[in-house]
N, C-alpha and C. Protein backbone atom coordinates (compact mmCIF):
# COMPACT_ATOMS: atom_id res chain seq x y z
N MET A 1 75.19 224.75 112.15
CA MET A 1 75.64 223.78 111.15
C MET A 1 74.52 223.45 110.17
N ARG A 2 73.22 223.57 110.61
CA ARG A 2 72.11 223.32 109.69
C ARG A 2 72.18 224.27 108.49
N ILE A 3 72.46 225.56 108.76
CA ILE A 3 72.57 226.52 107.66
C ILE A 3 73.70 226.13 106.74
N PHE A 4 74.82 225.71 107.33
CA PHE A 4 75.98 225.33 106.53
C PHE A 4 75.65 224.15 105.63
N ILE A 5 75.03 223.11 106.20
CA ILE A 5 74.71 221.93 105.42
C ILE A 5 73.74 222.27 104.30
N SER A 6 72.73 223.07 104.59
CA SER A 6 71.76 223.45 103.55
C SER A 6 72.45 224.19 102.43
N SER A 7 73.35 225.09 102.78
CA SER A 7 74.04 225.88 101.76
C SER A 7 75.01 225.02 100.97
N LEU A 8 75.66 224.08 101.65
CA LEU A 8 76.62 223.21 100.98
C LEU A 8 75.99 222.49 99.81
N PHE A 9 74.77 222.07 99.99
CA PHE A 9 74.14 221.24 98.98
C PHE A 9 73.00 221.95 98.28
N ILE A 10 73.14 223.24 98.19
CA ILE A 10 72.11 224.04 97.54
C ILE A 10 72.04 223.77 96.06
N LEU A 11 73.12 223.18 95.49
CA LEU A 11 73.14 222.95 94.05
C LEU A 11 73.64 221.57 93.67
N LEU A 12 73.25 220.57 94.38
CA LEU A 12 73.65 219.23 93.96
C LEU A 12 72.80 218.87 92.76
N LEU A 13 73.39 218.85 91.57
CA LEU A 13 72.62 218.82 90.34
C LEU A 13 72.79 217.50 89.60
N SER A 14 71.76 217.10 88.93
CA SER A 14 71.86 216.00 87.99
C SER A 14 70.81 216.18 86.92
N GLY A 15 71.24 216.30 85.66
CA GLY A 15 70.32 216.45 84.55
C GLY A 15 71.03 216.04 83.29
N GLN A 16 70.37 215.97 82.17
CA GLN A 16 71.01 215.58 80.92
C GLN A 16 70.90 216.73 79.94
N SER A 17 72.03 217.19 79.43
CA SER A 17 72.06 218.33 78.53
C SER A 17 71.23 218.05 77.29
N LEU A 18 70.57 219.09 76.83
CA LEU A 18 69.76 219.07 75.62
C LEU A 18 68.51 218.23 75.79
N ALA A 19 68.68 216.96 76.19
CA ALA A 19 67.51 216.10 76.34
C ALA A 19 66.68 216.47 77.55
N SER A 20 67.28 217.22 78.49
CA SER A 20 66.59 217.67 79.70
C SER A 20 65.93 216.51 80.41
N GLN A 21 66.70 215.47 80.71
CA GLN A 21 66.19 214.31 81.41
C GLN A 21 67.01 214.07 82.68
N LEU A 22 66.35 213.51 83.69
CA LEU A 22 67.05 213.10 84.90
C LEU A 22 67.54 211.67 84.73
N GLU A 23 68.65 211.36 85.37
CA GLU A 23 69.17 210.00 85.41
C GLU A 23 69.55 209.66 86.83
N PRO A 24 69.35 208.40 87.24
CA PRO A 24 69.77 208.01 88.59
C PRO A 24 71.26 208.28 88.80
N PHE A 25 71.62 208.74 89.99
CA PHE A 25 73.03 208.98 90.29
C PHE A 25 73.30 208.79 91.77
N LYS A 26 74.56 208.64 92.12
CA LYS A 26 75.01 208.62 93.51
C LYS A 26 76.31 209.40 93.58
N ALA A 27 76.36 210.40 94.46
CA ALA A 27 77.54 211.26 94.59
C ALA A 27 77.98 211.32 96.04
N THR A 28 79.29 211.26 96.26
CA THR A 28 79.87 211.36 97.60
C THR A 28 80.77 212.57 97.66
N TYR A 29 80.68 213.34 98.75
CA TYR A 29 81.43 214.57 98.91
C TYR A 29 82.22 214.56 100.21
N THR A 30 83.35 215.27 100.21
CA THR A 30 84.11 215.51 101.42
C THR A 30 84.09 217.01 101.71
N ALA A 31 84.11 217.34 102.99
CA ALA A 31 84.08 218.74 103.40
C ALA A 31 84.64 218.86 104.80
N ARG A 32 84.95 220.10 105.18
CA ARG A 32 85.36 220.37 106.56
C ARG A 32 84.58 221.57 107.06
N PHE A 33 84.08 221.45 108.29
CA PHE A 33 83.30 222.51 108.91
C PHE A 33 83.82 222.71 110.32
N ASN A 34 84.41 223.89 110.58
CA ASN A 34 84.98 224.20 111.89
C ASN A 34 85.90 223.08 112.38
N GLY A 35 86.72 222.57 111.47
CA GLY A 35 87.68 221.54 111.82
C GLY A 35 87.11 220.14 111.86
N ILE A 36 85.82 219.97 111.59
CA ILE A 36 85.17 218.66 111.62
C ILE A 36 85.07 218.12 110.21
N SER A 37 85.53 216.89 110.01
CA SER A 37 85.42 216.25 108.70
C SER A 37 83.99 215.76 108.49
N VAL A 38 83.47 216.00 107.31
CA VAL A 38 82.10 215.61 106.99
C VAL A 38 82.09 214.84 105.67
N THR A 39 81.38 213.74 105.64
CA THR A 39 81.12 213.02 104.40
C THR A 39 79.63 213.04 104.14
N ALA A 40 79.25 213.39 102.95
CA ALA A 40 77.83 213.47 102.61
C ALA A 40 77.55 212.69 101.33
N THR A 41 76.35 212.16 101.24
CA THR A 41 75.94 211.38 100.07
C THR A 41 74.61 211.90 99.54
N ARG A 42 74.54 212.01 98.23
CA ARG A 42 73.30 212.35 97.56
C ARG A 42 73.00 211.24 96.56
N GLN A 43 71.74 210.83 96.47
CA GLN A 43 71.38 209.75 95.56
C GLN A 43 70.00 209.99 94.97
N LEU A 44 69.91 209.89 93.64
CA LEU A 44 68.64 209.99 92.93
C LEU A 44 68.29 208.61 92.41
N THR A 45 67.11 208.13 92.80
CA THR A 45 66.64 206.83 92.35
C THR A 45 65.26 206.96 91.74
N GLY A 46 64.85 205.93 91.01
CA GLY A 46 63.53 205.93 90.40
C GLY A 46 63.61 205.89 88.89
N GLN A 47 62.57 206.40 88.26
CA GLN A 47 62.49 206.40 86.81
C GLN A 47 61.58 207.53 86.37
N GLU A 48 61.47 207.71 85.07
CA GLU A 48 60.68 208.82 84.54
C GLU A 48 59.28 208.85 85.15
N GLY A 49 58.94 210.00 85.69
CA GLY A 49 57.62 210.18 86.27
C GLY A 49 57.54 209.89 87.76
N ASN A 50 58.56 209.26 88.34
CA ASN A 50 58.52 208.93 89.76
C ASN A 50 59.95 208.84 90.29
N TRP A 51 60.38 209.87 91.02
CA TRP A 51 61.76 209.96 91.48
C TRP A 51 61.83 210.16 92.99
N ARG A 52 62.99 209.78 93.53
CA ARG A 52 63.29 210.05 94.94
C ARG A 52 64.73 210.52 95.06
N LEU A 53 64.92 211.69 95.68
CA LEU A 53 66.24 212.24 95.93
C LEU A 53 66.52 212.18 97.42
N ASP A 54 67.61 211.49 97.81
CA ASP A 54 68.01 211.34 99.21
C ASP A 54 69.31 212.08 99.48
N PHE A 55 69.39 212.65 100.66
CA PHE A 55 70.61 213.28 101.14
C PHE A 55 70.88 212.82 102.57
N SER A 56 72.14 212.49 102.87
CA SER A 56 72.48 212.11 104.24
C SER A 56 73.90 212.55 104.54
N THR A 57 74.13 212.94 105.79
CA THR A 57 75.46 213.31 106.23
C THR A 57 75.61 212.97 107.71
N HIS A 58 76.83 212.60 108.10
CA HIS A 58 77.12 212.25 109.49
C HIS A 58 78.40 212.94 109.91
N ALA A 59 78.38 213.51 111.11
CA ALA A 59 79.57 214.16 111.66
C ALA A 59 79.56 213.97 113.16
N LEU A 60 80.53 213.20 113.67
CA LEU A 60 80.61 212.91 115.09
C LEU A 60 79.27 212.36 115.60
N PHE A 61 78.60 213.08 116.49
CA PHE A 61 77.37 212.56 117.07
C PHE A 61 76.12 213.18 116.44
N ALA A 62 76.27 213.72 115.26
CA ALA A 62 75.14 214.37 114.60
C ALA A 62 74.89 213.75 113.23
N SER A 63 73.66 213.86 112.77
CA SER A 63 73.32 213.36 111.45
C SER A 63 72.15 214.15 110.88
N ILE A 64 72.12 214.24 109.56
CA ILE A 64 71.01 214.87 108.85
C ILE A 64 70.60 213.94 107.72
N LYS A 65 69.31 213.70 107.61
CA LYS A 65 68.77 212.91 106.52
C LYS A 65 67.53 213.61 105.98
N GLU A 66 67.41 213.66 104.67
CA GLU A 66 66.21 214.22 104.06
C GLU A 66 65.99 213.58 102.70
N TYR A 67 64.73 213.60 102.28
CA TYR A 67 64.44 213.08 100.95
C TYR A 67 63.21 213.78 100.38
N SER A 68 63.13 213.75 99.06
CA SER A 68 61.99 214.31 98.34
C SER A 68 61.52 213.30 97.30
N ARG A 69 60.22 213.14 97.20
CA ARG A 69 59.63 212.34 96.13
C ARG A 69 58.90 213.28 95.20
N PHE A 70 59.13 213.11 93.90
CA PHE A 70 58.56 214.05 92.94
C PHE A 70 58.37 213.39 91.58
N THR A 71 57.57 214.05 90.75
CA THR A 71 57.39 213.62 89.37
C THR A 71 58.01 214.65 88.45
N ASP A 72 58.25 214.27 87.22
CA ASP A 72 58.75 215.22 86.22
C ASP A 72 58.00 215.02 84.91
N ARG A 73 57.70 216.14 84.28
CA ARG A 73 56.98 216.08 83.00
C ARG A 73 57.36 217.30 82.18
N ASP A 74 57.84 217.04 80.98
CA ASP A 74 58.21 218.12 80.05
C ASP A 74 59.20 219.09 80.69
N GLY A 75 60.13 218.56 81.48
CA GLY A 75 61.16 219.40 82.08
C GLY A 75 60.72 220.14 83.33
N ASN A 76 59.54 219.80 83.87
CA ASN A 76 59.03 220.46 85.07
C ASN A 76 58.89 219.47 86.22
N ILE A 77 59.45 219.85 87.38
CA ILE A 77 59.41 219.02 88.57
C ILE A 77 58.18 219.37 89.40
N THR A 78 57.48 218.34 89.90
CA THR A 78 56.35 218.55 90.80
C THR A 78 56.52 217.64 92.02
N PRO A 79 56.83 218.20 93.18
CA PRO A 79 57.02 217.37 94.38
C PRO A 79 55.68 216.95 94.98
N TYR A 80 55.67 215.80 95.66
CA TYR A 80 54.47 215.41 96.38
C TYR A 80 54.76 215.00 97.81
N HIS A 81 56.02 214.80 98.19
CA HIS A 81 56.34 214.47 99.59
C HIS A 81 57.78 214.85 99.89
N TYR A 82 57.99 215.43 101.08
CA TYR A 82 59.32 215.84 101.52
C TYR A 82 59.47 215.56 103.01
N GLU A 83 60.64 215.00 103.40
CA GLU A 83 60.93 214.76 104.82
C GLU A 83 62.35 215.19 105.15
N TYR A 84 62.49 215.75 106.36
CA TYR A 84 63.79 216.19 106.87
C TYR A 84 63.92 215.74 108.33
N ARG A 85 65.07 215.13 108.66
CA ARG A 85 65.33 214.68 110.03
C ARG A 85 66.74 215.08 110.43
N ARG A 86 66.85 215.66 111.62
CA ARG A 86 68.17 216.01 112.16
C ARG A 86 68.28 215.49 113.57
N LYS A 87 69.41 214.83 113.85
CA LYS A 87 69.70 214.34 115.20
C LYS A 87 71.03 214.93 115.65
N GLY A 88 71.12 215.26 116.94
CA GLY A 88 72.32 215.92 117.44
C GLY A 88 72.27 217.39 117.09
N LEU A 89 73.41 218.06 117.15
CA LEU A 89 73.47 219.50 116.83
C LEU A 89 72.47 220.28 117.67
N GLY A 90 72.32 219.87 118.95
CA GLY A 90 71.34 220.52 119.80
C GLY A 90 70.02 219.76 119.78
N ARG A 91 68.93 220.46 119.61
CA ARG A 91 67.61 219.83 119.64
C ARG A 91 67.33 219.10 118.33
N ASP A 92 66.85 217.85 118.44
CA ASP A 92 66.47 217.09 117.25
C ASP A 92 65.31 217.80 116.56
N ARG A 93 65.31 217.74 115.23
CA ARG A 93 64.28 218.42 114.47
C ARG A 93 63.78 217.55 113.33
N GLY A 94 62.56 217.81 112.89
CA GLY A 94 62.02 217.07 111.77
C GLY A 94 60.90 217.83 111.08
N THR A 95 60.78 217.64 109.78
CA THR A 95 59.72 218.27 109.00
C THR A 95 59.19 217.27 107.98
N VAL A 96 57.87 217.20 107.85
CA VAL A 96 57.22 216.35 106.84
C VAL A 96 56.20 217.19 106.11
N LEU A 97 56.33 217.28 104.78
CA LEU A 97 55.42 218.07 103.97
C LEU A 97 54.77 217.20 102.90
N ASN A 98 53.46 217.40 102.69
CA ASN A 98 52.76 216.80 101.57
C ASN A 98 52.30 217.92 100.64
N PHE A 99 52.54 217.74 99.34
CA PHE A 99 52.18 218.75 98.34
C PHE A 99 50.92 218.32 97.61
N GLU A 100 49.97 219.25 97.52
CA GLU A 100 48.73 219.02 96.77
C GLU A 100 48.56 220.15 95.76
N PRO A 101 49.30 220.08 94.66
CA PRO A 101 49.30 221.19 93.69
C PRO A 101 47.92 221.47 93.09
N ASP A 102 47.10 220.45 92.94
CA ASP A 102 45.77 220.66 92.37
C ASP A 102 44.89 221.54 93.27
N LYS A 103 45.20 221.53 94.57
CA LYS A 103 44.43 222.32 95.53
C LYS A 103 45.18 223.59 95.94
N GLY A 104 46.40 223.77 95.42
CA GLY A 104 47.19 224.93 95.81
C GLY A 104 47.58 224.91 97.27
N MET A 105 47.89 223.71 97.79
CA MET A 105 48.18 223.57 99.21
C MET A 105 49.47 222.81 99.45
N VAL A 106 50.14 223.14 100.55
CA VAL A 106 51.24 222.35 101.08
C VAL A 106 50.89 222.04 102.53
N LEU A 107 50.70 220.77 102.84
CA LEU A 107 50.30 220.35 104.18
C LEU A 107 51.54 220.03 105.01
N ASN A 108 51.65 220.68 106.17
CA ASN A 108 52.75 220.42 107.09
C ASN A 108 52.29 219.35 108.07
N ILE A 109 52.69 218.11 107.80
CA ILE A 109 52.25 216.99 108.62
C ILE A 109 52.81 217.10 110.03
N SER A 110 54.02 217.63 110.16
CA SER A 110 54.66 217.77 111.46
C SER A 110 53.97 218.81 112.33
N LYS A 111 53.58 219.93 111.70
CA LYS A 111 52.92 221.03 112.42
C LYS A 111 51.78 221.56 111.57
N PRO A 112 50.60 220.96 111.72
CA PRO A 112 49.45 221.34 110.88
C PRO A 112 49.11 222.82 110.92
N GLU A 113 49.45 223.50 112.01
CA GLU A 113 49.16 224.93 112.07
C GLU A 113 49.98 225.72 111.06
N ARG A 114 50.97 225.08 110.45
CA ARG A 114 51.80 225.73 109.45
C ARG A 114 51.45 225.31 108.03
N ASP A 115 50.27 224.73 107.83
CA ASP A 115 49.82 224.42 106.47
C ASP A 115 49.82 225.70 105.64
N MET A 116 50.14 225.56 104.35
CA MET A 116 50.19 226.71 103.46
C MET A 116 49.06 226.63 102.43
N GLN A 117 48.34 227.73 102.28
CA GLN A 117 47.24 227.81 101.33
C GLN A 117 47.60 228.74 100.18
N ASP A 118 46.95 228.55 99.04
CA ASP A 118 47.15 229.42 97.87
C ASP A 118 48.62 229.56 97.50
N VAL A 119 49.32 228.44 97.47
CA VAL A 119 50.74 228.47 97.13
C VAL A 119 50.91 228.63 95.62
N PRO A 120 52.08 229.11 95.16
CA PRO A 120 52.32 229.26 93.72
C PRO A 120 52.18 227.92 93.01
N PRO A 121 51.79 227.93 91.75
CA PRO A 121 51.54 226.67 91.02
C PRO A 121 52.77 225.80 90.84
N HIS A 122 53.95 226.40 90.85
CA HIS A 122 55.18 225.61 90.64
C HIS A 122 56.03 225.57 91.90
N ILE A 123 55.39 225.48 93.06
CA ILE A 123 56.10 225.42 94.33
C ILE A 123 56.95 224.14 94.40
N LEU A 124 58.14 224.26 95.00
CA LEU A 124 59.06 223.15 95.13
C LEU A 124 59.49 223.01 96.58
N ASP A 125 60.15 221.90 96.92
CA ASP A 125 60.72 221.76 98.26
C ASP A 125 62.23 221.98 98.19
N LYS A 126 62.91 221.85 99.34
CA LYS A 126 64.32 222.23 99.43
C LYS A 126 65.25 221.23 98.76
N LEU A 127 64.73 220.11 98.28
CA LEU A 127 65.53 219.18 97.50
C LEU A 127 65.10 219.15 96.04
N SER A 128 63.79 219.08 95.79
CA SER A 128 63.32 218.94 94.41
C SER A 128 63.68 220.15 93.55
N TYR A 129 63.81 221.33 94.16
CA TYR A 129 64.16 222.50 93.35
C TYR A 129 65.56 222.35 92.75
N GLN A 130 66.40 221.58 93.42
CA GLN A 130 67.75 221.36 92.90
C GLN A 130 67.71 220.60 91.58
N MET A 131 66.78 219.66 91.47
CA MET A 131 66.60 218.94 90.22
C MET A 131 66.04 219.86 89.14
N GLN A 132 65.12 220.75 89.53
CA GLN A 132 64.57 221.71 88.57
C GLN A 132 65.66 222.64 88.07
N LEU A 133 66.52 223.08 88.98
CA LEU A 133 67.64 223.92 88.59
C LEU A 133 68.56 223.20 87.62
N ALA A 134 68.79 221.90 87.88
CA ALA A 134 69.64 221.11 86.98
C ALA A 134 69.07 221.07 85.57
N LEU A 135 67.77 220.80 85.48
CA LEU A 135 67.12 220.73 84.17
C LEU A 135 67.18 222.08 83.47
N ASP A 136 66.99 223.16 84.22
CA ASP A 136 66.99 224.49 83.61
C ASP A 136 68.37 224.89 83.13
N VAL A 137 69.40 224.55 83.91
CA VAL A 137 70.77 224.84 83.48
C VAL A 137 71.10 224.03 82.24
N ALA A 138 70.70 222.74 82.24
CA ALA A 138 70.96 221.88 81.08
C ALA A 138 70.27 222.40 79.84
N ALA A 139 69.09 222.99 80.03
CA ALA A 139 68.31 223.51 78.89
C ALA A 139 68.77 224.89 78.46
N GLY A 140 69.75 225.46 79.17
CA GLY A 140 70.27 226.77 78.80
C GLY A 140 69.41 227.94 79.22
N LYS A 141 68.51 227.74 80.17
CA LYS A 141 67.65 228.83 80.62
C LYS A 141 68.44 229.86 81.41
N GLU A 142 68.04 231.11 81.30
CA GLU A 142 68.69 232.20 82.03
C GLU A 142 67.88 232.63 83.25
N ASN A 143 66.58 232.40 83.24
CA ASN A 143 65.73 232.79 84.36
C ASN A 143 65.72 231.69 85.40
N LEU A 144 66.64 231.75 86.34
CA LEU A 144 66.82 230.70 87.34
C LEU A 144 66.27 231.18 88.68
N GLN A 145 64.95 231.22 88.78
CA GLN A 145 64.29 231.68 89.98
C GLN A 145 63.29 230.62 90.45
N TYR A 146 63.25 230.38 91.76
CA TYR A 146 62.43 229.29 92.29
C TYR A 146 61.76 229.70 93.59
N GLU A 147 60.55 229.16 93.81
CA GLU A 147 59.82 229.37 95.05
C GLU A 147 59.76 228.04 95.80
N ILE A 148 60.24 228.07 97.05
CA ILE A 148 60.45 226.85 97.82
C ILE A 148 59.65 226.88 99.11
N ALA A 149 58.93 225.80 99.39
CA ALA A 149 58.24 225.64 100.67
C ALA A 149 59.25 225.23 101.72
N ASP A 150 59.44 226.10 102.72
CA ASP A 150 60.46 225.87 103.74
C ASP A 150 59.82 225.65 105.10
N GLY A 151 58.88 224.74 105.17
CA GLY A 151 58.27 224.38 106.44
C GLY A 151 57.18 225.32 106.89
N LYS A 152 57.48 226.61 107.02
CA LYS A 152 56.49 227.56 107.50
C LYS A 152 56.31 228.77 106.60
N LYS A 153 57.14 228.88 105.57
CA LYS A 153 57.04 230.02 104.67
C LYS A 153 57.54 229.65 103.29
N ILE A 154 57.32 230.54 102.34
CA ILE A 154 57.79 230.34 100.98
C ILE A 154 58.99 231.26 100.75
N ARG A 155 60.09 230.67 100.34
CA ARG A 155 61.30 231.43 100.07
C ARG A 155 61.57 231.49 98.57
N LYS A 156 62.20 232.56 98.13
CA LYS A 156 62.55 232.71 96.73
C LYS A 156 64.07 232.64 96.57
N TYR A 157 64.51 231.75 95.68
CA TYR A 157 65.94 231.60 95.39
C TYR A 157 66.18 232.05 93.95
N THR A 158 67.27 232.78 93.75
CA THR A 158 67.67 233.23 92.41
C THR A 158 69.13 232.90 92.20
N PHE A 159 69.46 232.45 90.99
CA PHE A 159 70.83 232.09 90.65
C PHE A 159 71.25 232.77 89.35
N ALA A 160 72.56 232.94 89.18
CA ALA A 160 73.09 233.57 87.97
C ALA A 160 74.33 232.82 87.51
N ARG A 161 74.44 232.64 86.20
CA ARG A 161 75.64 232.02 85.61
C ARG A 161 76.79 233.03 85.61
N GLU A 162 78.01 232.52 85.80
CA GLU A 162 79.19 233.39 85.79
C GLU A 162 80.31 232.82 84.93
N GLY A 163 79.95 232.20 83.83
CA GLY A 163 80.96 231.71 82.89
C GLY A 163 81.40 230.28 83.18
N SER A 164 82.52 229.89 82.57
CA SER A 164 83.04 228.53 82.71
C SER A 164 84.45 228.55 83.29
N GLU A 165 84.86 227.40 83.81
CA GLU A 165 86.18 227.29 84.43
C GLU A 165 86.58 225.82 84.49
N ILE A 166 87.85 225.53 84.23
CA ILE A 166 88.37 224.17 84.34
C ILE A 166 88.91 223.97 85.75
N LEU A 167 88.43 222.92 86.43
CA LEU A 167 88.83 222.64 87.79
C LEU A 167 89.60 221.33 87.88
N GLN A 168 90.55 221.31 88.81
CA GLN A 168 91.25 220.07 89.15
C GLN A 168 90.55 219.46 90.36
N THR A 169 90.03 218.27 90.20
CA THR A 169 89.31 217.60 91.28
C THR A 169 89.96 216.26 91.59
N PRO A 170 89.58 215.61 92.68
CA PRO A 170 90.09 214.27 92.97
C PRO A 170 89.79 213.27 91.87
N MET A 171 88.84 213.60 90.99
CA MET A 171 88.46 212.73 89.90
C MET A 171 89.12 213.15 88.59
N GLY A 172 90.01 214.14 88.63
CA GLY A 172 90.67 214.63 87.43
C GLY A 172 90.18 216.00 87.03
N LYS A 173 90.71 216.53 85.93
CA LYS A 173 90.30 217.84 85.45
C LYS A 173 88.94 217.76 84.76
N VAL A 174 88.17 218.81 84.92
CA VAL A 174 86.85 218.83 84.29
C VAL A 174 86.45 220.28 84.03
N GLU A 175 85.79 220.52 82.92
CA GLU A 175 85.28 221.85 82.61
C GLU A 175 83.94 222.04 83.31
N THR A 176 83.77 223.19 83.95
CA THR A 176 82.58 223.43 84.74
C THR A 176 81.88 224.74 84.36
N ILE A 177 80.62 224.84 84.77
CA ILE A 177 79.87 226.08 84.70
C ILE A 177 79.84 226.66 86.11
N LYS A 178 80.18 227.93 86.22
CA LYS A 178 80.20 228.60 87.52
C LYS A 178 78.86 229.30 87.73
N VAL A 179 78.23 229.03 88.87
CA VAL A 179 76.92 229.58 89.18
C VAL A 179 76.95 230.20 90.57
N ARG A 180 76.33 231.37 90.71
CA ARG A 180 76.34 232.09 91.99
C ARG A 180 74.92 232.30 92.48
N ARG A 181 74.72 232.14 93.78
CA ARG A 181 73.43 232.46 94.41
C ARG A 181 73.33 233.98 94.53
N VAL A 182 72.26 234.54 94.01
CA VAL A 182 72.03 235.98 94.07
C VAL A 182 71.30 236.30 95.37
N ARG A 183 71.92 237.16 96.19
CA ARG A 183 71.34 237.53 97.48
C ARG A 183 71.04 239.02 97.51
N ASP A 184 70.47 239.48 98.61
CA ASP A 184 70.20 240.89 98.79
C ASP A 184 71.50 241.68 98.74
N ALA A 185 71.42 242.93 98.31
CA ALA A 185 72.61 243.76 98.15
C ALA A 185 73.37 243.94 99.46
N ASN A 186 72.68 243.92 100.59
CA ASN A 186 73.35 244.13 101.87
C ASN A 186 73.81 242.83 102.54
N SER A 187 73.63 241.71 101.87
CA SER A 187 74.05 240.43 102.43
C SER A 187 75.55 240.23 102.23
N GLU A 188 76.23 239.77 103.28
CA GLU A 188 77.66 239.49 103.20
C GLU A 188 77.94 238.01 102.94
N ARG A 189 76.91 237.23 102.85
CA ARG A 189 77.09 235.80 102.56
C ARG A 189 77.27 235.61 101.06
N GLU A 190 78.15 234.71 100.68
CA GLU A 190 78.39 234.40 99.28
C GLU A 190 78.42 232.89 99.09
N THR A 191 77.73 232.42 98.07
CA THR A 191 77.73 231.00 97.74
C THR A 191 77.97 230.85 96.25
N THR A 192 79.04 230.13 95.90
CA THR A 192 79.38 229.89 94.51
C THR A 192 79.59 228.40 94.29
N VAL A 193 79.08 227.89 93.19
CA VAL A 193 79.23 226.48 92.89
C VAL A 193 79.76 226.30 91.47
N TRP A 194 80.38 225.15 91.25
CA TRP A 194 80.89 224.78 89.94
C TRP A 194 80.26 223.43 89.57
N ILE A 195 79.58 223.37 88.43
CA ILE A 195 78.92 222.14 88.01
C ILE A 195 79.47 221.70 86.65
N ALA A 196 79.50 220.39 86.44
CA ALA A 196 80.16 219.82 85.27
C ALA A 196 79.16 219.24 84.27
N PRO A 197 78.98 219.89 83.11
CA PRO A 197 78.07 219.35 82.10
C PRO A 197 78.43 217.94 81.65
N GLN A 198 79.75 217.66 81.49
CA GLN A 198 80.13 216.35 81.00
C GLN A 198 79.92 215.25 82.04
N TRP A 199 79.70 215.65 83.28
CA TRP A 199 79.36 214.69 84.34
C TRP A 199 77.88 214.83 84.71
N ASN A 200 77.06 215.10 83.72
CA ASN A 200 75.62 215.19 83.89
C ASN A 200 75.20 216.28 84.88
N TYR A 201 75.92 217.41 84.81
CA TYR A 201 75.61 218.58 85.62
C TYR A 201 75.71 218.30 87.12
N ALA A 202 76.70 217.50 87.49
CA ALA A 202 76.95 217.24 88.91
C ALA A 202 77.73 218.39 89.53
N LEU A 203 77.47 218.66 90.79
CA LEU A 203 78.25 219.64 91.54
C LEU A 203 79.63 219.06 91.81
N VAL A 204 80.69 219.79 91.45
CA VAL A 204 82.04 219.31 91.73
C VAL A 204 82.73 220.14 92.81
N LYS A 205 82.21 221.34 93.07
CA LYS A 205 82.83 222.18 94.10
C LYS A 205 81.83 223.24 94.56
N LEU A 206 81.88 223.55 95.85
CA LEU A 206 81.09 224.65 96.39
C LEU A 206 81.94 225.40 97.40
N VAL A 207 81.92 226.72 97.31
CA VAL A 207 82.63 227.57 98.27
C VAL A 207 81.63 228.55 98.86
N GLN A 208 81.62 228.65 100.18
CA GLN A 208 80.72 229.59 100.84
C GLN A 208 81.48 230.45 101.84
N ARG A 209 81.19 231.74 101.80
CA ARG A 209 81.75 232.67 102.78
C ARG A 209 80.61 233.20 103.64
N GLU A 210 80.76 233.04 104.95
CA GLU A 210 79.73 233.47 105.88
C GLU A 210 79.91 234.94 106.24
N GLU A 211 78.94 235.49 106.95
CA GLU A 211 79.00 236.89 107.35
C GLU A 211 80.16 237.17 108.29
N ASN A 212 80.58 236.15 109.05
CA ASN A 212 81.71 236.32 109.96
C ASN A 212 83.07 236.12 109.29
N GLY A 213 83.06 235.92 107.98
CA GLY A 213 84.30 235.77 107.23
C GLY A 213 84.80 234.35 107.08
N LYS A 214 84.18 233.41 107.79
CA LYS A 214 84.61 232.02 107.68
C LYS A 214 84.28 231.47 106.29
N ARG A 215 85.13 230.58 105.81
CA ARG A 215 85.01 230.05 104.46
C ARG A 215 84.94 228.52 104.52
N TYR A 216 83.98 227.97 103.79
CA TYR A 216 83.79 226.53 103.77
C TYR A 216 83.83 226.03 102.32
N GLN A 217 84.23 224.77 102.17
CA GLN A 217 84.34 224.23 100.82
C GLN A 217 84.02 222.74 100.83
N ILE A 218 83.37 222.26 99.77
CA ILE A 218 83.14 220.84 99.59
C ILE A 218 83.65 220.43 98.20
N THR A 219 84.01 219.16 98.09
CA THR A 219 84.57 218.65 96.84
C THR A 219 84.00 217.28 96.52
N LEU A 220 83.66 217.08 95.26
CA LEU A 220 83.16 215.79 94.81
C LEU A 220 84.27 214.74 94.91
N LYS A 221 83.95 213.64 95.54
CA LYS A 221 84.92 212.56 95.74
C LYS A 221 84.66 211.37 94.84
N LYS A 222 83.38 211.07 94.64
CA LYS A 222 83.02 209.88 93.87
C LYS A 222 81.65 210.09 93.26
N LEU A 223 81.46 209.63 92.01
CA LEU A 223 80.20 209.82 91.32
C LEU A 223 79.91 208.65 90.39
N SER A 224 78.67 208.20 90.42
CA SER A 224 78.23 207.20 89.44
C SER A 224 76.88 207.67 88.88
N ILE A 225 76.67 207.44 87.59
CA ILE A 225 75.44 207.82 86.91
C ILE A 225 74.87 206.59 86.24
N SER A 226 73.64 206.27 86.56
CA SER A 226 73.00 205.06 86.04
C SER A 226 73.86 203.82 86.31
N GLY A 227 74.49 203.80 87.49
CA GLY A 227 75.28 202.65 87.90
C GLY A 227 76.70 202.60 87.35
N LYS A 228 77.11 203.58 86.54
CA LYS A 228 78.44 203.58 85.94
C LYS A 228 79.30 204.66 86.59
N SER A 229 80.51 204.29 87.02
CA SER A 229 81.42 205.23 87.65
C SER A 229 81.84 206.30 86.65
N VAL A 230 82.00 207.53 87.14
CA VAL A 230 82.33 208.66 86.30
C VAL A 230 83.68 209.21 86.72
N GLY A 231 84.49 209.64 85.73
CA GLY A 231 85.77 210.27 85.99
C GLY A 231 86.13 211.18 84.84
N ALA A 232 87.32 211.75 84.91
CA ALA A 232 87.78 212.64 83.84
C ALA A 232 87.74 211.93 82.50
N GLY A 233 87.30 212.67 81.50
CA GLY A 233 87.24 212.12 80.14
C GLY A 233 85.95 211.36 79.87
N GLN A 234 85.06 211.28 80.88
CA GLN A 234 83.80 210.57 80.68
C GLN A 234 82.64 211.56 80.63
């Protein structure tokens, strides 16, 4: 389920078109995983130069919580702290990372033996890169490639635009940009998301197909931006 949850929210986006600015938001999603109903919340708080992105989800006796603290300057995200906590779903897990970009280091507070040296200058964590992706999509960039510190290694994510599509959502009809995660040619996993420019590049739908053929989907249920509720026509 950890893989599922990570993939579900691989593109929870919030940015401002043209101006390439972040704005505080709160989004609630509904999903089903192996017959289990899941509600998840994402929230961006803070202000220019100092942001915090939180994610939480609860399902039966399990929960996942994570957050990232980062700065932004000239459309570039720089993380400085990331935490992940999971309870239930088998063994409890947790990760705490501190970023020191000036030293080219990512310190693994949870497991110091996994500290990373000589990391890329624009390294991101598993939440802050989503904000960077939002800004890049809003700015019309085509090169959507990111390097992410994943606890013990650096992973590379690549995305590609696949046109536009009008979707019917619980919040009404909305025009979206369709974006696909680019994977290895031999990978059978597929992840596609639809994001809405008029709703500040929020994720409105995600569909994932696993290697075993199972299909999962999440849908935006409720969204507010800078404290104002968002719906069709807004």
